[in-house]
Amino acid sequence: MAVEETTTRDHWWWRPGWRVGRSYYTWHILVEDQPAIHEFAQALQPELAATGVLGPIPLEWLHMTMQGVGFADEVSDEDLHAIAAAVSARVAAVGPVPVTLGPPVVDPEGVNLPVRRIEAVNAVRLAVRDGIADVWGTDRVSEAADRFRPHVSLAYSHSTGAPLAPIQNILAQHTTEIPVVVNRVSLIDINRDNGIYWWRLIQHASL
């Protein structure tokens, strides 16, 4: 039986393969066109910042992680363009999907808005994976197909060992669920230097 964690963990430890200056090609759902998410984040983030252990994510960098491709220095331009085209064709067949986010939850590495009823978002992710496999084959598609936990993070922990209970008490006062419609996925070149995720947009792919 898994033991429930009760304290924070610094989100910004270096994952395998990452180093300063290295970036990664990935497909995300960006939420710059979702005002309801921005309004909720703006209302909650000051309380999260006041905990002293959470760093709120700037609104322009809010996102839903979807499916990785590979480190930018390991993917050729030719392959990247082919993957972008293949994924675009695959996700166009899925169509826009309604999604409900929230209420917010905390885990050791941050606060996020989980997706309720993940099947629709998972269908988009599987289409992205199929597009990558069309170019590279299934063996080169990164990440497990069945370990997807879609969410939009609002803040990341920048310390280790702080109790989660005070954060849980804050979130208990925010029970809103946010309905949105996802109508595109985005291929980005993402970097995690300086304790923040930021990216260069390569292209959108419409659902």
Protein backbone atom coordinates (compact mmCIF):
# COMPACT_ATOMS: atom_id res chain seq x y z
CA MET A 1 0.00 0.00 0.00
CA ALA A 2 1.34 3.42 -0.95
CA VAL A 3 2.08 5.78 1.92
CA GLU A 4 0.41 9.16 1.58
CA GLU A 5 2.94 11.97 1.49
CA THR A 6 2.31 14.82 3.91
CA THR A 7 5.10 17.28 3.13
CA THR A 8 6.31 19.26 0.13
CA ARG A 9 9.10 18.25 -2.23
CA ASP A 10 11.06 20.74 -4.34
CA HIS A 11 9.66 20.45 -7.86
CA TRP A 12 12.82 21.78 -9.47
CA TRP A 13 15.14 18.81 -9.02
CA TRP A 14 16.88 17.87 -12.25
CA ARG A 15 15.08 15.04 -14.03
CA PRO A 16 17.20 12.54 -15.99
CA GLY A 17 18.62 14.11 -19.14
CA TRP A 18 17.88 17.69 -18.16
CA ARG A 19 20.58 20.30 -17.59
CA VAL A 20 20.88 24.07 -17.77
CA GLY A 21 20.33 25.28 -21.32
CA ARG A 22 18.79 22.04 -22.59
CA SER A 23 15.24 22.10 -23.96
CA TYR A 24 12.63 19.54 -24.96
CA TYR A 25 10.08 19.21 -27.75
CA THR A 26 6.66 18.36 -26.38
CA TRP A 27 2.96 18.67 -27.09
CA HIS A 28 0.99 20.63 -24.49
CA ILE A 29 -2.46 22.11 -24.22
CA LEU A 30 -1.84 25.81 -23.71
CA VAL A 31 -4.52 27.81 -21.91
CA GLU A 32 -3.82 31.39 -22.97
CA ASP A 33 -7.27 31.42 -24.60
CA GLN A 34 -9.11 30.17 -21.47
CA PRO A 35 -10.09 33.25 -19.42
CA ALA A 36 -11.95 31.22 -16.79
CA ILE A 37 -8.72 29.42 -15.86
CA HIS A 38 -6.82 32.71 -15.71
CA GLU A 39 -9.46 34.31 -13.48
CA PHE A 40 -9.41 31.38 -11.07
CA ALA A 41 -5.61 31.35 -10.96
CA GLN A 42 -5.42 35.10 -10.33
CA ALA A 43 -7.82 34.76 -7.40
CA LEU A 44 -6.03 31.82 -5.77
CA GLN A 45 -2.36 32.44 -6.46
CA PRO A 46 -1.81 35.25 -3.91
CA GLU A 47 -2.88 32.84 -1.16
CA LEU A 48 -0.53 30.19 -2.52
CA ALA A 49 2.39 32.63 -2.67
CA ALA A 50 1.73 33.64 0.95
CA THR A 51 2.52 30.09 2.11
CA GLY A 52 6.19 30.79 1.42
CA VAL A 53 6.72 27.35 -0.09
CA LEU A 54 4.85 27.66 -3.40
CA GLY A 55 5.78 29.64 -6.48
CA PRO A 56 2.70 30.61 -8.51
CA ILE A 57 3.05 30.08 -12.26
CA PRO A 58 2.75 33.27 -14.35
CA LEU A 59 -0.48 33.22 -16.33
CA GLU A 60 1.29 33.15 -19.69
CA TRP A 61 3.00 29.87 -18.75
CA LEU A 62 -0.05 27.94 -17.53
CA HIS A 63 -0.45 24.69 -19.46
CA MET A 64 -1.62 21.10 -19.46
CA THR A 65 1.23 18.66 -20.08
CA MET A 66 0.29 16.24 -22.84
CA GLN A 67 2.99 14.16 -24.58
CA GLY A 68 6.73 14.52 -24.99
CA VAL A 69 8.66 14.06 -28.23
CA GLY A 70 12.33 14.29 -27.25
CA PHE A 71 15.20 16.56 -26.30
CA ALA A 72 15.67 19.26 -28.91
CA ASP A 73 19.29 18.30 -29.51
CA GLU A 74 18.22 14.73 -30.34
CA VAL A 75 15.41 15.45 -32.85
CA SER A 76 16.20 16.51 -36.40
CA ASP A 77 14.30 19.35 -38.05
CA GLU A 78 13.09 16.91 -40.70
CA ASP A 79 11.65 14.54 -38.09
CA LEU A 80 10.11 17.39 -36.12
CA HIS A 81 8.29 18.71 -39.19
CA ALA A 82 7.08 15.23 -40.08
CA ILE A 83 5.82 14.64 -36.54
CA ALA A 84 4.05 17.99 -36.51
CA ALA A 85 2.25 17.12 -39.75
CA ALA A 86 1.34 13.60 -38.62
CA VAL A 87 0.03 14.74 -35.24
CA SER A 88 -1.97 17.54 -36.86
CA ALA A 89 -3.73 15.01 -39.09
CA ARG A 90 -4.41 12.65 -36.18
CA VAL A 91 -5.84 15.20 -33.74
CA ALA A 92 -8.02 16.84 -36.41
CA ALA A 93 -10.03 13.61 -36.44
CA VAL A 94 -10.70 13.87 -32.69
CA GLY A 95 -12.45 17.24 -32.70
CA PRO A 96 -12.85 19.73 -29.84
CA VAL A 97 -13.36 18.15 -26.42
CA PRO A 98 -15.22 19.53 -23.37
CA VAL A 99 -13.19 19.32 -20.17
CA THR A 100 -13.93 20.12 -16.53
CA LEU A 101 -11.04 21.21 -14.30
CA GLY A 102 -10.90 21.40 -10.51
CA PRO A 103 -11.41 21.82 -7.67
CA PRO A 104 -7.71 22.41 -6.97
CA VAL A 105 -5.62 19.82 -5.16
CA VAL A 106 -2.14 19.76 -3.68
CA ASP A 107 0.53 17.11 -4.05
CA PRO A 108 4.12 17.23 -2.74
CA GLU A 109 5.36 19.21 -5.75
CA GLY A 110 2.59 21.76 -6.19
CA VAL A 111 -1.04 22.77 -6.60
CA ASN A 112 -3.03 21.89 -9.70
CA LEU A 113 -6.45 21.75 -11.28
CA PRO A 114 -7.07 18.07 -12.12
CA VAL A 115 -9.13 17.08 -15.14
CA ARG A 116 -12.39 15.38 -14.24
CA ARG A 117 -13.32 12.41 -16.44
CA ILE A 118 -10.09 12.17 -18.34
CA GLU A 119 -11.31 10.04 -21.24
CA ALA A 120 -11.78 12.93 -23.67
CA VAL A 121 -8.33 14.42 -22.98
CA ASN A 122 -6.79 10.97 -23.09
CA ALA A 123 -8.22 10.49 -26.58
CA VAL A 124 -6.35 13.61 -27.68
CA ARG A 125 -3.13 12.34 -26.12
CA LEU A 126 -3.48 8.96 -27.80
CA ALA A 127 -3.91 10.73 -31.14
CA VAL A 128 -0.71 12.68 -30.47
CA ARG A 129 1.10 9.45 -29.61
CA ASP A 130 -0.20 7.83 -32.79
CA GLY A 131 1.10 10.77 -34.83
CA ILE A 132 4.57 10.44 -33.32
CA ALA A 133 4.46 6.68 -33.96
CA ASP A 134 3.52 7.31 -37.60
CA VAL A 135 6.97 8.87 -38.04
CA TRP A 136 9.16 7.03 -35.55
CA GLY A 137 7.34 3.81 -34.74
CA THR A 138 5.82 2.92 -31.39
CA ASP A 139 9.16 2.03 -29.80
CA ARG A 140 10.31 5.66 -29.90
CA VAL A 141 7.17 7.19 -28.40
CA SER A 142 8.24 8.45 -24.98
CA GLU A 143 6.36 8.05 -21.70
CA ALA A 144 3.87 5.37 -20.72
CA ALA A 145 0.51 5.35 -22.46
CA ASP A 146 -1.38 4.46 -19.29
CA ARG A 147 0.14 6.80 -16.68
CA PHE A 148 -1.47 10.04 -17.82
CA ARG A 149 -2.77 12.34 -15.08
CA PRO A 150 -3.97 15.47 -16.92
CA HIS A 151 -4.00 18.71 -14.94
CA VAL A 152 -3.18 22.40 -15.11
CA SER A 153 -0.60 23.33 -12.47
CA LEU A 154 -1.10 26.65 -10.67
CA ALA A 155 2.00 26.67 -8.45
CA TYR A 156 5.10 24.55 -7.87
CA SER A 157 6.80 23.80 -4.58
CA HIS A 158 10.27 25.32 -4.24
CA SER A 159 11.09 23.74 -0.87
CA THR A 160 11.16 20.32 0.74
CA GLY A 161 9.65 19.24 4.04
CA ALA A 162 6.90 21.82 4.59
CA PRO A 163 3.56 20.36 5.73
CA LEU A 164 0.82 20.04 3.13
CA ALA A 165 -2.01 20.47 5.64
CA PRO A 166 -2.04 24.32 5.63
CA ILE A 167 -2.19 24.29 1.83
CA GLN A 168 -5.02 21.78 1.92
CA ASN A 169 -6.90 24.10 4.29
CA ILE A 170 -6.54 26.96 1.80
CA LEU A 171 -7.78 24.83 -1.08
CA ALA A 172 -10.79 23.64 0.91
CA GLN A 173 -12.17 27.18 0.52
CA HIS A 174 -11.95 26.98 -3.29
CA THR A 175 -14.33 24.34 -4.61
CA THR A 176 -14.97 25.74 -8.08
CA GLU A 177 -15.03 23.46 -11.11
CA ILE A 178 -14.13 25.11 -14.41
CA PRO A 179 -15.68 23.91 -17.69
CA VAL A 180 -13.62 24.61 -20.82
CA VAL A 181 -13.44 23.37 -24.39
CA VAL A 182 -10.07 22.21 -25.70
CA ASN A 183 -9.79 22.93 -29.41
CA ARG A 184 -6.08 22.61 -30.11
CA VAL A 185 -2.78 21.17 -28.96
CA SER A 186 0.55 22.93 -29.32
CA LEU A 187 4.03 21.75 -30.21
CA ILE A 188 6.54 23.70 -28.13
CA ASP A 189 10.25 23.78 -27.34
CA ILE A 190 10.25 23.94 -23.53
CA ASN A 191 12.97 24.94 -21.08
CA ARG A 192 13.04 24.68 -17.28
CA ASP A 193 16.00 26.88 -16.35
CA ASN A 194 15.64 29.38 -13.50
CA GLY A 195 12.79 27.61 -11.72
CA ILE A 196 10.13 28.13 -14.38
CA TYR A 197 8.80 26.36 -17.46
CA TRP A 198 8.89 28.61 -20.50
CA TRP A 199 8.79 27.80 -24.19
CA ARG A 200 8.99 28.73 -27.82
CA LEU A 201 5.85 27.91 -29.78
CA ILE A 202 6.47 25.85 -32.90
CA GLN A 203 2.90 25.33 -34.07
CA HIS A 204 -0.69 24.74 -33.02
CA ALA A 205 -2.69 21.75 -34.25
CA SER A 206 -6.47 22.19 -34.31
CA LEU A 207 -8.81 19.51 -33.03
